[in-house]
Amino acid sequence: RYADAVPWALLADAAARGASVAVVLDRVPSGPGDADVLREVRG
C-alpha cells in the first residue's frame, strides 16, 4: 500500500509545511526469498 494516493497527498502537504516525518514500512514479508522483495520495495 506504500504508493496509495491518499496518504501521499498528506505527505506532500507535510513536506510543503516542513513537518518532521518518519516512515514505517510495516508488515513486510519475512519468509525465504523475500529479501529481494524487501530491497526492491524499500528502494
PDB file of all heavy atoms in Angstrom:
ATOM      1  N   ARG A   1       0.812  -1.218   0.000  1.00  0.00           N
ATOM      2  CA  ARG A   1       0.000   0.000   0.000  1.00  0.00           C
ATOM      3  C   ARG A   1       0.849   1.274   0.000  1.00  0.00           C
ATOM      4  O   ARG A   1       0.293   2.366   0.082  1.00  0.00           O
ATOM      5  CB  ARG A   1      -0.891   0.025   1.268  1.00  0.00           C
ATOM      6  CG  ARG A   1      -1.846  -1.151   1.423  1.00  0.00           C
ATOM      7  CD  ARG A   1      -2.989  -1.073   0.424  1.00  0.00           C
ATOM      8  NE  ARG A   1      -3.736   0.164   0.518  1.00  0.00           N
ATOM      9  CZ  ARG A   1      -4.765   0.349   1.356  1.00  0.00           C
ATOM     10  NH1 ARG A   1      -5.131  -0.622   2.193  1.00  0.00           N
ATOM     11  NH2 ARG A   1      -5.418   1.497   1.356  1.00  0.00           N
ATOM     12  N   TYR A   2       2.162   1.153  -0.117  1.00  0.00           N
ATOM     13  CA  TYR A   2       3.002   2.330   0.106  1.00  0.00           C
ATOM     14  C   TYR A   2       2.841   3.415  -0.960  1.00  0.00           C
ATOM     15  O   TYR A   2       3.235   4.570  -0.748  1.00  0.00           O
ATOM     16  CB  TYR A   2       4.474   1.927   0.224  1.00  0.00           C
ATOM     17  CG  TYR A   2       5.111   1.423  -1.048  1.00  0.00           C
ATOM     18  CD1 TYR A   2       5.712   2.296  -1.945  1.00  0.00           C
ATOM     19  CD2 TYR A   2       5.127   0.062  -1.349  1.00  0.00           C
ATOM     20  CE1 TYR A   2       6.296   1.824  -3.104  1.00  0.00           C
ATOM     21  CE2 TYR A   2       5.709  -0.409  -2.483  1.00  0.00           C
ATOM     22  CZ  TYR A   2       6.290   0.471  -3.380  1.00  0.00           C
ATOM     23  OH  TYR A   2       6.870  -0.006  -4.522  1.00  0.00           O
ATOM     24  N   ALA A   3       2.278   3.075  -2.110  1.00  0.00           N
ATOM     25  CA  ALA A   3       2.121   4.062  -3.189  1.00  0.00           C
ATOM     26  C   ALA A   3       0.705   4.628  -3.253  1.00  0.00           C
ATOM     27  O   ALA A   3       0.382   5.349  -4.200  1.00  0.00           O
ATOM     28  CB  ALA A   3       2.509   3.433  -4.533  1.00  0.00           C
ATOM     29  N   ASP A   4      -0.146   4.344  -2.272  1.00  0.00           N
ATOM     30  CA  ASP A   4      -1.532   4.825  -2.313  1.00  0.00           C
ATOM     31  C   ASP A   4      -1.571   6.354  -2.387  1.00  0.00           C
ATOM     32  O   ASP A   4      -0.767   7.052  -1.752  1.00  0.00           O
ATOM     33  CB  ASP A   4      -2.302   4.361  -1.073  1.00  0.00           C
ATOM     34  CG  ASP A   4      -2.635   2.867  -1.139  1.00  0.00           C
ATOM     35  OD1 ASP A   4      -2.318   2.251  -2.173  1.00  0.00           O
ATOM     36  OD2 ASP A   4      -3.191   2.344  -0.153  1.00  0.00           O
ATOM     37  N   ALA A   5      -2.535   6.864  -3.125  1.00  0.00           N
ATOM     38  CA  ALA A   5      -2.597   8.301  -3.406  1.00  0.00           C
ATOM     39  C   ALA A   5      -2.963   9.132  -2.186  1.00  0.00           C
ATOM     40  O   ALA A   5      -2.404  10.212  -1.967  1.00  0.00           O
ATOM     41  CB  ALA A   5      -3.595   8.563  -4.535  1.00  0.00           C
ATOM     42  N   VAL A   6      -3.930   8.665  -1.385  1.00  0.00           N
ATOM     43  CA  VAL A   6      -4.428   9.494  -0.282  1.00  0.00           C
ATOM     44  C   VAL A   6      -3.334   9.843   0.719  1.00  0.00           C
ATOM     45  O   VAL A   6      -3.131  11.024   1.036  1.00  0.00           O
ATOM     46  CB  VAL A   6      -5.624   8.811   0.410  1.00  0.00           C
ATOM     47  CG1 VAL A   6      -6.027   9.580   1.661  1.00  0.00           C
ATOM     48  CG2 VAL A   6      -6.802   8.710  -0.545  1.00  0.00           C
ATOM     49  N   PRO A   7      -2.607   8.862   1.263  1.00  0.00           N
ATOM     50  CA  PRO A   7      -1.553   9.236   2.220  1.00  0.00           C
ATOM     51  C   PRO A   7      -0.462  10.087   1.591  1.00  0.00           C
ATOM     52  O   PRO A   7       0.111  10.957   2.264  1.00  0.00           O
ATOM     53  CB  PRO A   7      -1.016   7.887   2.712  1.00  0.00           C
ATOM     54  CG  PRO A   7      -1.444   6.893   1.690  1.00  0.00           C
ATOM     55  CD  PRO A   7      -2.726   7.397   1.132  1.00  0.00           C
ATOM     56  N   TRP A   8      -0.187   9.869   0.313  1.00  0.00           N
ATOM     57  CA  TRP A   8       0.871  10.662  -0.319  1.00  0.00           C
ATOM     58  C   TRP A   8       0.440  12.118  -0.501  1.00  0.00           C
ATOM     59  O   TRP A   8       1.284  13.015  -0.489  1.00  0.00           O
ATOM     60  CB  TRP A   8       1.297  10.037  -1.648  1.00  0.00           C
ATOM     61  CG  TRP A   8       2.341   8.979  -1.417  1.00  0.00           C
ATOM     62  CD1 TRP A   8       2.142   7.639  -1.341  1.00  0.00           C
ATOM     63  CD2 TRP A   8       3.725   9.204  -1.174  1.00  0.00           C
ATOM     64  NE1 TRP A   8       3.319   6.997  -1.064  1.00  0.00           N
ATOM     65  CE2 TRP A   8       4.316   7.933  -0.968  1.00  0.00           C
ATOM     66  CE3 TRP A   8       4.528  10.321  -1.110  1.00  0.00           C
ATOM     67  CZ2 TRP A   8       5.678   7.778  -0.696  1.00  0.00           C
ATOM     68  CZ3 TRP A   8       5.883  10.173  -0.848  1.00  0.00           C
ATOM     69  CH2 TRP A   8       6.444   8.907  -0.642  1.00  0.00           C
ATOM     70  N   ALA A   9      -0.848  12.362  -0.652  1.00  0.00           N
ATOM     71  CA  ALA A   9      -1.314  13.750  -0.704  1.00  0.00           C
ATOM     72  C   ALA A   9      -1.051  14.437   0.636  1.00  0.00           C
ATOM     73  O   ALA A   9      -0.623  15.593   0.695  1.00  0.00           O
ATOM     74  CB  ALA A   9      -2.807  13.795  -1.046  1.00  0.00           C
ATOM     75  N   LEU A  10      -1.265  13.703   1.723  1.00  0.00           N
ATOM     76  CA  LEU A  10      -0.982  14.253   3.047  1.00  0.00           C
ATOM     77  C   LEU A  10       0.521  14.410   3.272  1.00  0.00           C
ATOM     78  O   LEU A  10       0.976  15.374   3.894  1.00  0.00           O
ATOM     79  CB  LEU A  10      -1.582  13.348   4.124  1.00  0.00           C
ATOM     80  CG  LEU A  10      -3.112  13.327   4.170  1.00  0.00           C
ATOM     81  CD1 LEU A  10      -3.603  12.250   5.125  1.00  0.00           C
ATOM     82  CD2 LEU A  10      -3.660  14.688   4.580  1.00  0.00           C
ATOM     83  N   LEU A  11       1.290  13.454   2.777  1.00  0.00           N
ATOM     84  CA  LEU A  11       2.741  13.565   2.892  1.00  0.00           C
ATOM     85  C   LEU A  11       3.263  14.770   2.115  1.00  0.00           C
ATOM     86  O   LEU A  11       4.189  15.457   2.565  1.00  0.00           O
ATOM     87  CB  LEU A  11       3.407  12.291   2.380  1.00  0.00           C
ATOM     88  CG  LEU A  11       3.372  11.082   3.322  1.00  0.00           C
ATOM     89  CD1 LEU A  11       3.829   9.823   2.593  1.00  0.00           C
ATOM     90  CD2 LEU A  11       4.251  11.338   4.548  1.00  0.00           C
ATOM     91  N   ALA A  12       2.683  15.021   0.956  1.00  0.00           N
ATOM     92  CA  ALA A  12       3.099  16.189   0.175  1.00  0.00           C
ATOM     93  C   ALA A  12       2.807  17.475   0.939  1.00  0.00           C
ATOM     94  O   ALA A  12       3.619  18.416   0.934  1.00  0.00           O
ATOM     95  CB  ALA A  12       2.379  16.199  -1.173  1.00  0.00           C
ATOM     96  N   ASP A  13       1.669  17.516   1.619  1.00  0.00           N
ATOM     97  CA  ASP A  13       1.339  18.688   2.432  1.00  0.00           C
ATOM     98  C   ASP A  13       2.328  18.824   3.586  1.00  0.00           C
ATOM     99  O   ASP A  13       2.771  19.930   3.908  1.00  0.00           O
ATOM    100  CB  ASP A  13      -0.090  18.558   2.961  1.00  0.00           C
ATOM    101  CG  ASP A  13      -0.478  19.723   3.852  1.00  0.00           C
ATOM    102  OD1 ASP A  13      -0.544  20.857   3.354  1.00  0.00           O
ATOM    103  OD2 ASP A  13      -0.716  19.497   5.053  1.00  0.00           O
ATOM    104  N   ALA A  14       2.684  17.693   4.201  1.00  0.00           N
ATOM    105  CA  ALA A  14       3.649  17.725   5.299  1.00  0.00           C
ATOM    106  C   ALA A  14       5.002  18.239   4.810  1.00  0.00           C
ATOM    107  O   ALA A  14       5.670  19.034   5.486  1.00  0.00           O
ATOM    108  CB  ALA A  14       3.789  16.338   5.911  1.00  0.00           C
ATOM    109  N   ALA A  15       5.416  17.783   3.628  1.00  0.00           N
ATOM    110  CA  ALA A  15       6.691  18.236   3.069  1.00  0.00           C
ATOM    111  C   ALA A  15       6.647  19.730   2.779  1.00  0.00           C
ATOM    112  O   ALA A  15       7.611  20.461   3.032  1.00  0.00           O
ATOM    113  CB  ALA A  15       7.006  17.451   1.793  1.00  0.00           C
ATOM    114  N   ALA A  16       5.508  20.201   2.238  1.00  0.00           N
ATOM    115  CA  ALA A  16       5.379  21.621   1.921  1.00  0.00           C
ATOM    116  C   ALA A  16       5.445  22.471   3.181  1.00  0.00           C
ATOM    117  O   ALA A  16       5.919  23.617   3.145  1.00  0.00           O
ATOM    118  CB  ALA A  16       4.064  21.866   1.186  1.00  0.00           C
ATOM    119  N   ARG A  17       4.980  21.942   4.300  1.00  0.00           N
ATOM    120  CA  ARG A  17       4.995  22.683   5.563  1.00  0.00           C
ATOM    121  C   ARG A  17       6.286  22.469   6.346  1.00  0.00           C
ATOM    122  O   ARG A  17       6.441  23.013   7.442  1.00  0.00           O
ATOM    123  CB  ARG A  17       3.806  22.264   6.428  1.00  0.00           C
ATOM    124  CG  ARG A  17       2.466  22.702   5.903  1.00  0.00           C
ATOM    125  CD  ARG A  17       1.364  22.423   6.890  1.00  0.00           C
ATOM    126  NE  ARG A  17       1.048  21.009   7.021  1.00  0.00           N
ATOM    127  CZ  ARG A  17       1.311  20.277   8.081  1.00  0.00           C
ATOM    128  NH1 ARG A  17       1.927  20.808   9.118  1.00  0.00           N
ATOM    129  NH2 ARG A  17       0.977  19.003   8.129  1.00  0.00           N
ATOM    130  N   GLY A  18       7.192  21.653   5.818  1.00  0.00           N
ATOM    131  CA  GLY A  18       8.436  21.401   6.528  1.00  0.00           C
ATOM    132  C   GLY A  18       8.264  20.560   7.771  1.00  0.00           C
ATOM    133  O   GLY A  18       9.079  20.635   8.704  1.00  0.00           O
ATOM    134  N   ALA A  19       7.200  19.773   7.829  1.00  0.00           N
ATOM    135  CA  ALA A  19       6.931  18.966   9.016  1.00  0.00           C
ATOM    136  C   ALA A  19       7.954  17.840   9.143  1.00  0.00           C
ATOM    137  O   ALA A  19       8.513  17.358   8.158  1.00  0.00           O
ATOM    138  CB  ALA A  19       5.522  18.381   8.937  1.00  0.00           C
ATOM    139  N   SER A  20       8.173  17.423  10.387  1.00  0.00           N
ATOM    140  CA  SER A  20       9.077  16.286  10.642  1.00  0.00           C
ATOM    141  C   SER A  20       8.310  14.993  10.411  1.00  0.00           C
ATOM    142  O   SER A  20       7.219  14.795  10.947  1.00  0.00           O
ATOM    143  CB  SER A  20       9.590  16.339  12.084  1.00  0.00           C
ATOM    144  OG  SER A  20      10.317  17.534  12.307  1.00  0.00           O
ATOM    145  N   VAL A  21       8.876  14.098   9.614  1.00  0.00           N
ATOM    146  CA  VAL A  21       8.205  12.856   9.242  1.00  0.00           C
ATOM    147  C   VAL A  21       9.189  11.692   9.378  1.00  0.00           C
ATOM    148  O   VAL A  21      10.365  11.809   9.013  1.00  0.00           O
ATOM    149  CB  VAL A  21       7.681  12.909   7.785  1.00  0.00           C
ATOM    150  CG1 VAL A  21       7.043  11.575   7.391  1.00  0.00           C
ATOM    151  CG2 VAL A  21       6.673  14.045   7.616  1.00  0.00           C
ATOM    152  N   ALA A  22       8.711  10.583   9.925  1.00  0.00           N
ATOM    153  CA  ALA A  22       9.432   9.309   9.891  1.00  0.00           C
ATOM    154  C   ALA A  22       8.495   8.284   9.262  1.00  0.00           C
ATOM    155  O   ALA A  22       7.273   8.353   9.446  1.00  0.00           O
ATOM    156  CB  ALA A  22       9.835   8.875  11.299  1.00  0.00           C
ATOM    157  N   VAL A  23       9.043   7.353   8.509  1.00  0.00           N
ATOM    158  CA  VAL A  23       8.234   6.398   7.750  1.00  0.00           C
ATOM    159  C   VAL A  23       8.500   4.988   8.263  1.00  0.00           C
ATOM    160  O   VAL A  23       9.653   4.595   8.479  1.00  0.00           O
ATOM    161  CB  VAL A  23       8.546   6.485   6.242  1.00  0.00           C
ATOM    162  CG1 VAL A  23       7.676   5.500   5.450  1.00  0.00           C
ATOM    163  CG2 VAL A  23       8.317   7.912   5.739  1.00  0.00           C
ATOM    164  N   VAL A  24       7.393   4.254   8.445  1.00  0.00           N
ATOM    165  CA  VAL A  24       7.486   2.865   8.894  1.00  0.00           C
ATOM    166  C   VAL A  24       6.890   1.980   7.798  1.00  0.00           C
ATOM    167  O   VAL A  24       5.706   2.082   7.481  1.00  0.00           O
ATOM    168  CB  VAL A  24       6.737   2.652  10.218  1.00  0.00           C
ATOM    169  CG1 VAL A  24       6.829   1.186  10.636  1.00  0.00           C
ATOM    170  CG2 VAL A  24       7.299   3.557  11.305  1.00  0.00           C
ATOM    171  N   LEU A  25       7.735   1.139   7.204  1.00  0.00           N
ATOM    172  CA  LEU A  25       7.261   0.164   6.226  1.00  0.00           C
ATOM    173  C   LEU A  25       6.892  -1.090   7.001  1.00  0.00           C
ATOM    174  O   LEU A  25       7.756  -1.862   7.426  1.00  0.00           O
ATOM    175  CB  LEU A  25       8.358  -0.111   5.191  1.00  0.00           C
ATOM    176  CG  LEU A  25       7.987  -1.058   4.048  1.00  0.00           C
ATOM    177  CD1 LEU A  25       6.829  -0.498   3.220  1.00  0.00           C
ATOM    178  CD2 LEU A  25       9.206  -1.298   3.140  1.00  0.00           C
ATOM    179  N   ASP A  26       5.625  -1.332   7.190  1.00  0.00           N
ATOM    180  CA  ASP A  26       5.118  -2.348   8.092  1.00  0.00           C
ATOM    181  C   ASP A  26       4.711  -3.595   7.308  1.00  0.00           C
ATOM    182  O   ASP A  26       4.487  -3.563   6.098  1.00  0.00           O
ATOM    183  CB  ASP A  26       3.915  -1.767   8.852  1.00  0.00           C
ATOM    184  CG  ASP A  26       3.541  -2.582  10.065  1.00  0.00           C
ATOM    185  OD1 ASP A  26       4.343  -3.432  10.479  1.00  0.00           O
ATOM    186  OD2 ASP A  26       2.441  -2.357  10.609  1.00  0.00           O
ATOM    187  N   ARG A  27       4.574  -4.685   8.075  1.00  0.00           N
ATOM    188  CA  ARG A  27       4.068  -5.951   7.536  1.00  0.00           C
ATOM    189  C   ARG A  27       4.835  -6.396   6.287  1.00  0.00           C
ATOM    190  O   ARG A  27       4.254  -6.808   5.284  1.00  0.00           O
ATOM    191  CB  ARG A  27       2.575  -5.840   7.232  1.00  0.00           C
ATOM    192  CG  ARG A  27       1.768  -5.611   8.503  1.00  0.00           C
ATOM    193  CD  ARG A  27       0.290  -5.563   8.275  1.00  0.00           C
ATOM    194  NE  ARG A  27      -0.400  -5.530   9.563  1.00  0.00           N
ATOM    195  CZ  ARG A  27      -1.713  -5.360   9.717  1.00  0.00           C
ATOM    196  NH1 ARG A  27      -2.477  -5.210   8.645  1.00  0.00           N
ATOM    197  NH2 ARG A  27      -2.242  -5.348  10.912  1.00  0.00           N
ATOM    198  N   VAL A  28       6.144  -6.300   6.372  1.00  0.00           N
ATOM    199  CA  VAL A  28       6.995  -6.729   5.264  1.00  0.00           C
ATOM    200  C   VAL A  28       7.177  -8.241   5.356  1.00  0.00           C
ATOM    201  O   VAL A  28       7.529  -8.766   6.420  1.00  0.00           O
ATOM    202  CB  VAL A  28       8.368  -6.021   5.336  1.00  0.00           C
ATOM    203  CG1 VAL A  28       9.299  -6.566   4.252  1.00  0.00           C
ATOM    204  CG2 VAL A  28       8.187  -4.518   5.209  1.00  0.00           C
ATOM    205  N   PRO A  29       6.921  -8.978   4.285  1.00  0.00           N
ATOM    206  CA  PRO A  29       7.085 -10.431   4.322  1.00  0.00           C
ATOM    207  C   PRO A  29       8.512 -10.807   4.749  1.00  0.00           C
ATOM    208  O   PRO A  29       9.489 -10.167   4.339  1.00  0.00           O
ATOM    209  CB  PRO A  29       6.811 -10.853   2.878  1.00  0.00           C
ATOM    210  CG  PRO A  29       5.956  -9.755   2.324  1.00  0.00           C
ATOM    211  CD  PRO A  29       6.447  -8.514   2.971  1.00  0.00           C
ATOM    212  N   SER A  30       8.604 -11.847   5.582  1.00  0.00           N
ATOM    213  CA  SER A  30       9.915 -12.219   6.125  1.00  0.00           C
ATOM    214  C   SER A  30      10.273 -13.655   5.822  1.00  0.00           C
ATOM    215  O   SER A  30      11.156 -14.238   6.455  1.00  0.00           O
ATOM    216  CB  SER A  30       9.926 -12.013   7.649  1.00  0.00           C
ATOM    217  OG  SER A  30       8.868 -12.780   8.257  1.00  0.00           O
ATOM    218  N   GLY A  31       9.569 -14.246   4.840  1.00  0.00           N
ATOM    219  CA  GLY A  31       9.854 -15.631   4.511  1.00  0.00           C
ATOM    220  C   GLY A  31      11.066 -15.773   3.621  1.00  0.00           C
ATOM    221  O   GLY A  31      11.669 -14.784   3.197  1.00  0.00           O
ATOM    222  N   PRO A  32      11.430 -17.043   3.347  1.00  0.00           N
ATOM    223  CA  PRO A  32      12.564 -17.309   2.457  1.00  0.00           C
ATOM    224  C   PRO A  32      12.335 -16.663   1.088  1.00  0.00           C
ATOM    225  O   PRO A  32      11.255 -16.741   0.513  1.00  0.00           O
ATOM    226  CB  PRO A  32      12.592 -18.837   2.359  1.00  0.00           C
ATOM    227  CG  PRO A  32      11.860 -19.297   3.582  1.00  0.00           C
ATOM    228  CD  PRO A  32      10.814 -18.279   3.861  1.00  0.00           C
ATOM    229  N   GLY A  33      13.334 -16.044   0.575  1.00  0.00           N
ATOM    230  CA  GLY A  33      13.232 -15.447  -0.743  1.00  0.00           C
ATOM    231  C   GLY A  33      12.602 -14.074  -0.766  1.00  0.00           C
ATOM    232  O   GLY A  33      12.455 -13.484  -1.844  1.00  0.00           O
ATOM    233  N   ASP A  34      12.214 -13.530   0.420  1.00  0.00           N
ATOM    234  CA  ASP A  34      11.564 -12.217   0.436  1.00  0.00           C
ATOM    235  C   ASP A  34      12.564 -11.070   0.546  1.00  0.00           C
ATOM    236  O   ASP A  34      12.176  -9.904   0.486  1.00  0.00           O
ATOM    237  CB  ASP A  34      10.595 -12.116   1.620  1.00  0.00           C
ATOM    238  CG  ASP A  34       9.351 -12.974   1.403  1.00  0.00           C
ATOM    239  OD1 ASP A  34       8.954 -13.122   0.231  1.00  0.00           O
ATOM    240  OD2 ASP A  34       8.767 -13.459   2.401  1.00  0.00           O
ATOM    241  N   ALA A  35      13.828 -11.376   0.702  1.00  0.00           N
ATOM    242  CA  ALA A  35      14.818 -10.315   0.869  1.00  0.00           C
ATOM    243  C   ALA A  35      14.885  -9.420  -0.365  1.00  0.00           C
ATOM    244  O   ALA A  35      15.022  -8.190  -0.258  1.00  0.00           O
ATOM    245  CB  ALA A  35      16.186 -10.914   1.161  1.00  0.00           C
ATOM    246  N   ASP A  36      14.803 -10.049  -1.541  1.00  0.00           N
ATOM    247  CA  ASP A  36      14.861  -9.251  -2.772  1.00  0.00           C
ATOM    248  C   ASP A  36      13.652  -8.313  -2.867  1.00  0.00           C
ATOM    249  O   ASP A  36      13.776  -7.161  -3.298  1.00  0.00           O
ATOM    250  CB  ASP A  36      14.915 -10.164  -4.005  1.00  0.00           C
ATOM    251  CG  ASP A  36      16.222 -10.927  -4.093  1.00  0.00           C
ATOM    252  OD1 ASP A  36      17.197 -10.477  -3.460  1.00  0.00           O
ATOM    253  OD2 ASP A  36      16.248 -11.960  -4.782  1.00  0.00           O
ATOM    254  N   VAL A  37      12.503  -8.854  -2.465  1.00  0.00           N
ATOM    255  CA  VAL A  37      11.287  -8.016  -2.493  1.00  0.00           C
ATOM    256  C   VAL A  37      11.452  -6.843  -1.539  1.00  0.00           C
ATOM    257  O   VAL A  37      11.080  -5.704  -1.861  1.00  0.00           O
ATOM    258  CB  VAL A  37      10.051  -8.860  -2.118  1.00  0.00           C
ATOM    259  CG1 VAL A  37       8.819  -7.974  -2.004  1.00  0.00           C
ATOM    260  CG2 VAL A  37       9.830  -9.974  -3.125  1.00  0.00           C
ATOM    261  N   LEU A  38      12.008  -7.105  -0.368  1.00  0.00           N
ATOM    262  CA  LEU A  38      12.195  -6.035   0.613  1.00  0.00           C
ATOM    263  C   LEU A  38      13.112  -4.953   0.054  1.00  0.00           C
ATOM    264  O   LEU A  38      12.823  -3.758   0.178  1.00  0.00           O
ATOM    265  CB  LEU A  38      12.787  -6.619   1.900  1.00  0.00           C
ATOM    266  CG  LEU A  38      13.210  -5.590   2.965  1.00  0.00           C
ATOM    267  CD1 LEU A  38      12.035  -4.721   3.373  1.00  0.00           C
ATOM    268  CD2 LEU A  38      13.804  -6.314   4.170  1.00  0.00           C
ATOM    269  N   ARG A  39      14.234  -5.365  -0.553  1.00  0.00           N
ATOM    270  CA  ARG A  39      15.160  -4.379  -1.109  1.00  0.00           C
ATOM    271  C   ARG A  39      14.478  -3.552  -2.198  1.00  0.00           C
ATOM    272  O   ARG A  39      14.650  -2.321  -2.266  1.00  0.00           O
ATOM    273  CB  ARG A  39      16.410  -5.081  -1.669  1.00  0.00           C
ATOM    274  CG  ARG A  39      17.431  -5.477  -0.611  1.00  0.00           C
ATOM    275  CD  ARG A  39      18.745  -5.875  -1.247  1.00  0.00           C
ATOM    276  NE  ARG A  39      18.600  -7.058  -2.091  1.00  0.00           N
ATOM    277  CZ  ARG A  39      18.707  -8.306  -1.657  1.00  0.00           C
ATOM    278  NH1 ARG A  39      18.979  -8.536  -0.372  1.00  0.00           N
ATOM    279  NH2 ARG A  39      18.574  -9.328  -2.486  1.00  0.00           N
ATOM    280  N   GLU A  40      13.700  -4.223  -3.025  1.00  0.00           N
ATOM    281  CA  GLU A  40      13.030  -3.505  -4.122  1.00  0.00           C
ATOM    282  C   GLU A  40      12.004  -2.500  -3.578  1.00  0.00           C
ATOM    283  O   GLU A  40      11.944  -1.345  -4.029  1.00  0.00           O
ATOM    284  CB  GLU A  40      12.335  -4.511  -5.042  1.00  0.00           C
ATOM    285  CG  GLU A  40      11.641  -3.855  -6.220  1.00  0.00           C
ATOM    286  CD  GLU A  40      10.977  -4.868  -7.143  1.00  0.00           C
ATOM    287  OE1 GLU A  40      11.185  -6.086  -6.944  1.00  0.00           O
ATOM    288  OE2 GLU A  40      10.236  -4.433  -8.049  1.00  0.00           O
ATOM    289  N   VAL A  41      11.217  -2.950  -2.599  1.00  0.00           N
ATOM    290  CA  VAL A  41      10.183  -2.066  -2.047  1.00  0.00           C
ATOM    291  C   VAL A  41      10.833  -0.891  -1.319  1.00  0.00           C
ATOM    292  O   VAL A  41      10.422   0.265  -1.488  1.00  0.00           O
ATOM    293  CB  VAL A  41       9.254  -2.863  -1.113  1.00  0.00           C
ATOM    294  CG1 VAL A  41       8.341  -1.909  -0.342  1.00  0.00           C
ATOM    295  CG2 VAL A  41       8.420  -3.855  -1.906  1.00  0.00           C
ATOM    296  N   ARG A  42      11.839  -1.175  -0.474  1.00  0.00           N
ATOM    297  CA  ARG A  42      12.495  -0.090   0.264  1.00  0.00           C
ATOM    298  C   ARG A  42      13.128   0.908  -0.708  1.00  0.00           C
ATOM    299  O   ARG A  42      13.062   2.124  -0.492  1.00  0.00           O
ATOM    300  CB  ARG A  42      13.574  -0.645   1.203  1.00  0.00           C
ATOM    301  CG  ARG A  42      13.040  -1.176   2.523  1.00  0.00           C
ATOM    302  CD  ARG A  42      14.215  -1.596   3.423  1.00  0.00           C
ATOM    303  NE  ARG A  42      15.100  -0.484   3.711  1.00  0.00           N
ATOM    304  CZ  ARG A  42      15.012   0.289   4.789  1.00  0.00           C
ATOM    305  NH1 ARG A  42      14.076   0.064   5.696  1.00  0.00           N
ATOM    306  NH2 ARG A  42      15.867   1.285   4.986  1.00  0.00           N
ATOM    307  N   GLY A  43      13.749   0.395  -1.756  1.00  0.00           N
ATOM    308  CA  GLY A  43      14.378   1.286  -2.732  1.00  0.00           C
ATOM    309  C   GLY A  43      13.348   2.172  -3.426  1.00  0.00           C
ATOM    310  O   GLY A  43      13.568   3.375  -3.621  1.00  0.00           O
TER     311      GLY A  43
END
